Amino acid sequence: MNQQSQAPVQQGQPAVSKGLLITFIIVILIGAAFATWYFLMGPGKKVATSTTTATTTPAATTTTTTTPSTTTTTTTPTATADWQTYTNDTYGFSFKYPKDYSVTEDQKSGTVIINYPTGGLSRGMTIWTKSSNINDEYNKLKTSTGYTVTTDKTIGGVVWKSLSYDPKNDTKAGDAGKENIYFVEKNGKLYQIVANIGEPLENITAVQADKNVDQILSTFTFTK
């Protein structure tokens, strides 16, 4: 009997192969998802490293320029710069007085008079040098009519006792004017200054006349 050869019957692919393929794809997807998570959000994420470059700015240098200062002293002429100077070597004192005033002296009596320019009225400043006791002279005048005790005054670096006289309070004053009287003991002698005040002089107001008196006293000094 002739046997005819029969073509082998082709059988279908096993279902296992298809399942493996699906599993393989799923594994790949899971792996891809894991890798994505790992590198983008997980421990494998690259942390950007910032590099800070410290730049040191040199400290500002302050340069101080010192300019030599020049002090200019301006000397203002004093009011007594052009006054006359009187010196009494016998009794040891000196003072300055205005050019339009005059000085007379009596060495025997120890009297020096600075005559004010009054146009005839007897007004001035008298400086006596006596051998009297200061308390006797001072106490005698301070209890006399018209005299008042006033604040002590420093003249020539020495403190003098002070009185004032106002003729308005003295019925026997006559034509006497106001006076300031000063007393001091020095070198065994009594010095007494009597200065007329409060009246205008020739071309000089009463205010300026009194200012002149103060300036004369400010220049008074003992020379021994």
Protein backbone atom coordinates (compact mmCIF):
# COMPACT_ATOMS: atom_id res chain seq x y z
CA MET A 1 0.00 0.00 0.00
CA ASN A 2 1.35 3.19 -0.94
CA GLN A 3 1.46 5.50 1.84
CA GLN A 4 1.12 9.12 1.00
CA SER A 5 3.20 11.45 2.93
CA GLN A 6 1.13 13.92 4.83
CA ALA A 7 2.32 17.35 5.66
CA PRO A 8 2.78 17.80 9.35
CA VAL A 9 -0.05 19.52 11.02
CA GLN A 10 1.13 22.97 12.29
CA GLN A 11 0.11 23.44 15.82
CA GLY A 12 -0.65 26.92 17.40
CA GLN A 13 1.95 28.82 19.52
CA PRO A 14 1.66 28.07 23.15
CA ALA A 15 -0.22 30.67 25.23
CA VAL A 16 2.72 30.80 27.63
CA SER A 17 4.88 32.72 25.15
CA LYS A 18 2.33 35.48 24.82
CA GLY A 19 2.01 35.75 28.56
CA LEU A 20 5.75 36.01 28.96
CA LEU A 21 5.85 38.81 26.43
CA ILE A 22 3.20 40.74 28.27
CA THR A 23 4.98 40.19 31.55
CA PHE A 24 8.27 41.32 30.01
CA ILE A 25 6.67 44.52 28.71
CA ILE A 26 5.12 45.23 32.09
CA VAL A 27 8.48 44.70 33.79
CA ILE A 28 10.12 47.09 31.34
CA LEU A 29 7.44 49.72 31.96
CA ILE A 30 7.75 49.30 35.70
CA GLY A 31 11.51 49.54 35.41
CA ALA A 32 11.22 52.67 33.27
CA ALA A 33 8.79 54.20 35.74
CA PHE A 34 11.09 53.33 38.63
CA ALA A 35 14.08 54.74 36.86
CA THR A 36 12.17 57.93 36.11
CA TRP A 37 11.15 58.29 39.73
CA TYR A 38 14.64 57.40 40.99
CA PHE A 39 16.47 59.92 38.91
CA LEU A 40 13.92 62.70 38.88
CA MET A 41 12.46 62.58 42.37
CA GLY A 42 14.16 59.82 44.34
CA PRO A 43 17.63 59.32 45.82
CA GLY A 44 19.23 59.45 42.41
CA LYS A 45 18.09 63.02 41.83
CA LYS A 46 21.01 65.28 41.10
CA VAL A 47 21.26 68.10 43.56
CA ALA A 48 22.42 71.26 41.93
CA THR A 49 25.53 72.39 43.64
CA SER A 50 25.81 76.10 43.87
CA THR A 51 29.29 77.42 43.96
CA THR A 52 29.65 80.66 45.81
CA THR A 53 32.67 82.65 44.94
CA ALA A 54 33.54 85.03 47.73
CA THR A 55 34.83 88.25 46.37
CA THR A 56 36.77 90.27 48.87
CA THR A 57 36.42 93.96 48.31
CA PRO A 58 39.41 95.90 49.61
CA ALA A 59 38.49 97.98 52.62
CA ALA A 60 37.89 101.60 51.84
CA THR A 61 40.86 103.71 52.69
CA THR A 62 40.14 107.09 54.21
CA THR A 63 42.80 109.66 53.60
CA THR A 64 42.73 112.65 55.89
CA THR A 65 44.53 115.67 54.63
CA THR A 66 45.55 118.01 57.39
CA THR A 67 45.81 121.59 56.34
CA PRO A 68 47.92 123.69 58.69
CA SER A 69 45.63 126.18 60.36
CA THR A 70 46.68 129.75 60.63
CA THR A 71 45.35 131.75 63.55
CA THR A 72 45.32 135.44 62.99
CA THR A 73 45.09 137.50 66.13
CA THR A 74 43.65 140.91 65.59
CA THR A 75 44.48 143.36 68.32
CA THR A 76 41.79 145.93 68.84
CA PRO A 77 43.18 149.22 70.12
CA THR A 78 42.00 149.88 73.66
CA ALA A 79 40.04 152.99 74.52
CA THR A 80 43.00 154.22 76.56
CA ALA A 81 45.64 153.64 73.86
CA ASP A 82 46.17 157.34 73.18
CA TRP A 83 45.80 158.52 76.80
CA GLN A 84 48.48 160.25 78.83
CA THR A 85 50.30 158.39 81.60
CA TYR A 86 50.96 159.89 85.02
CA THR A 87 53.44 158.32 87.45
CA ASN A 88 54.10 159.46 91.00
CA ASP A 89 57.44 158.05 92.11
CA THR A 90 57.17 159.60 95.57
CA TYR A 91 53.96 157.83 96.56
CA GLY A 92 54.30 154.86 94.24
CA PHE A 93 51.34 154.82 91.86
CA SER A 94 50.54 155.37 88.21
CA PHE A 95 47.44 155.81 86.02
CA LYS A 96 46.34 156.89 82.54
CA TYR A 97 43.96 159.76 81.76
CA PRO A 98 42.31 161.24 78.62
CA LYS A 99 44.23 163.79 76.56
CA ASP A 100 41.65 166.52 77.16
CA TYR A 101 41.94 166.08 80.94
CA SER A 102 44.77 167.63 82.92
CA VAL A 103 46.71 166.72 86.07
CA THR A 104 47.93 168.95 88.87
CA GLU A 105 49.82 167.79 91.93
CA ASP A 106 50.97 168.99 95.31
CA GLN A 107 53.80 166.78 96.48
CA LYS A 108 53.89 168.45 99.88
CA SER A 109 50.29 167.56 100.71
CA GLY A 110 50.40 164.30 98.75
CA THR A 111 47.53 165.38 96.50
CA VAL A 112 47.08 164.64 92.80
CA ILE A 113 44.06 166.06 90.96
CA ILE A 114 42.79 164.91 87.57
CA ASN A 115 40.86 167.91 86.26
CA TYR A 116 37.81 167.18 84.11
CA PRO A 117 37.09 169.51 81.13
CA THR A 118 34.06 171.25 82.64
CA GLY A 119 34.36 174.77 81.31
CA GLY A 120 34.99 176.30 84.72
CA LEU A 121 33.07 174.06 87.13
CA SER A 122 35.35 172.37 89.63
CA ARG A 123 35.02 168.68 88.90
CA GLY A 124 37.62 165.99 88.86
CA MET A 125 39.27 163.06 90.57
CA THR A 126 41.47 163.63 93.59
CA ILE A 127 44.01 161.12 94.91
CA TRP A 128 45.27 161.69 98.46
CA THR A 129 48.15 159.97 100.15
CA LYS A 130 47.96 160.38 103.93
CA SER A 131 49.44 159.06 107.12
CA SER A 132 45.98 158.70 108.65
CA ASN A 133 44.41 155.47 109.81
CA ILE A 134 41.94 154.04 107.31
CA ASN A 135 39.31 153.28 109.93
CA ASP A 136 39.40 156.83 111.28
CA GLU A 137 38.92 158.39 107.84
CA TYR A 138 36.41 155.82 106.59
CA ASN A 139 34.28 155.78 109.75
CA LYS A 140 34.24 159.57 109.95
CA LEU A 141 32.87 159.94 106.41
CA LYS A 142 30.43 157.05 106.43
CA THR A 143 28.54 158.63 109.33
CA SER A 144 28.51 162.07 107.68
CA THR A 145 25.45 163.53 105.96
CA GLY A 146 25.00 162.44 102.35
CA TYR A 147 27.39 159.46 102.47
CA THR A 148 26.36 155.84 101.93
CA VAL A 149 28.40 152.65 102.28
CA THR A 150 28.73 150.85 98.92
CA THR A 151 30.31 147.64 97.63
CA ASP A 152 34.09 147.37 97.92
CA LYS A 153 35.96 147.92 94.65
CA THR A 154 39.14 146.33 93.31
CA ILE A 155 41.56 148.96 91.98
CA GLY A 156 45.13 148.15 90.96
CA GLY A 157 44.69 144.57 92.11
CA VAL A 158 43.80 145.70 95.65
CA VAL A 159 40.38 145.81 97.33
CA TRP A 160 39.35 149.30 98.43
CA LYS A 161 36.58 150.24 100.86
CA SER A 162 33.91 152.31 99.13
CA LEU A 163 31.45 155.10 99.90
CA SER A 164 29.22 157.24 97.72
CA TYR A 165 28.14 160.84 98.23
CA ASP A 166 24.93 162.40 96.92
CA PRO A 167 24.50 166.16 97.47
CA LYS A 168 20.72 165.75 97.32
CA ASN A 169 20.94 164.18 100.75
CA ASP A 170 23.10 166.99 102.16
CA THR A 171 21.53 170.34 102.87
CA LYS A 172 25.00 171.91 103.10
CA ALA A 173 26.23 170.52 99.81
CA GLY A 174 26.34 173.82 97.92
CA ASP A 175 27.53 173.18 94.35
CA ALA A 176 29.14 169.87 95.23
CA GLY A 177 28.54 167.02 92.82
CA LYS A 178 28.08 163.29 93.25
CA GLU A 179 31.17 161.40 94.34
CA ASN A 180 32.52 157.91 94.74
CA ILE A 181 35.17 157.62 97.47
CA TYR A 182 37.63 154.74 97.85
CA PHE A 183 40.02 153.91 100.71
CA VAL A 184 42.92 151.48 101.05
CA GLU A 185 46.03 151.11 103.22
CA LYS A 186 49.27 150.15 101.53
CA ASN A 187 52.94 150.49 102.48
CA GLY A 188 51.98 152.12 105.77
CA LYS A 189 49.97 154.91 104.09
CA LEU A 190 46.31 155.65 103.47
CA TYR A 191 45.34 156.14 99.85
CA GLN A 192 42.02 157.84 99.16
CA ILE A 193 40.43 158.49 95.76
CA VAL A 194 37.48 160.87 95.37
CA ALA A 195 35.90 160.87 91.89
CA ASN A 196 33.13 163.19 90.73
CA ILE A 197 30.49 161.32 88.72
CA GLY A 198 27.08 161.73 87.11
CA GLU A 199 27.56 165.04 85.29
CA PRO A 200 28.13 165.96 81.64
CA LEU A 201 31.40 167.68 80.74
CA GLU A 202 32.46 169.83 77.81
CA ASN A 203 31.54 167.81 74.70
CA ILE A 204 31.28 164.70 76.89
CA THR A 205 28.01 163.17 78.04
CA ALA A 206 27.50 162.15 81.66
CA VAL A 207 27.53 158.49 80.59
CA GLN A 208 30.87 158.84 78.79
CA ALA A 209 32.30 160.93 81.63
CA ASP A 210 31.49 158.16 84.12
CA LYS A 211 32.94 155.60 81.72
CA ASN A 212 36.16 157.65 81.64
CA VAL A 213 36.27 157.53 85.44
CA ASP A 214 35.99 153.75 85.40
CA GLN A 215 38.72 153.50 82.76
CA ILE A 216 41.05 155.77 84.71
CA LEU A 217 40.57 153.55 87.77
CA SER A 218 41.15 150.45 85.65
CA THR A 219 44.61 151.77 84.70
CA PHE A 220 45.55 152.72 88.25
CA THR A 221 48.39 150.62 89.63
CA PHE A 222 50.80 150.68 92.53
CA THR A 223 54.41 150.89 91.41
CA LYS A 224 55.92 149.89 94.71
